[in-house]
């Protein structure tokens, strides 16, 4: 008797996965706004990588825009401040919109 894994539960190496984890410091106090009765919080996470270059210690900081929706976003904006160290998990999502003048997707 053999079993064949279903496509949704298969762990084949070519299955896509969009999952990220970052640890860093909140660069800007989260901004909370309401859109169509849904809370949205946004901020920038500063992730610093330190490394040795010869006899010198160097730092490289990457700024990552972060957006949280719903009650999670509301709670985040109320609890977190500039400089707080946080770990965040989520997915990468490309921002797209239609240009009003050319009607092209951007």
Foldseek 3Di string as FASTA:
>chain_A
DDDDDDPVPDPDPPDDDFKDKAKAFWAAQWDWDADPNKIKTKTKGWGKDWDDDPPDIDIDIDIDIDMDIHPVRVVCNVPGHGGDIDMDMDGDDDDWDQDPPPRDID
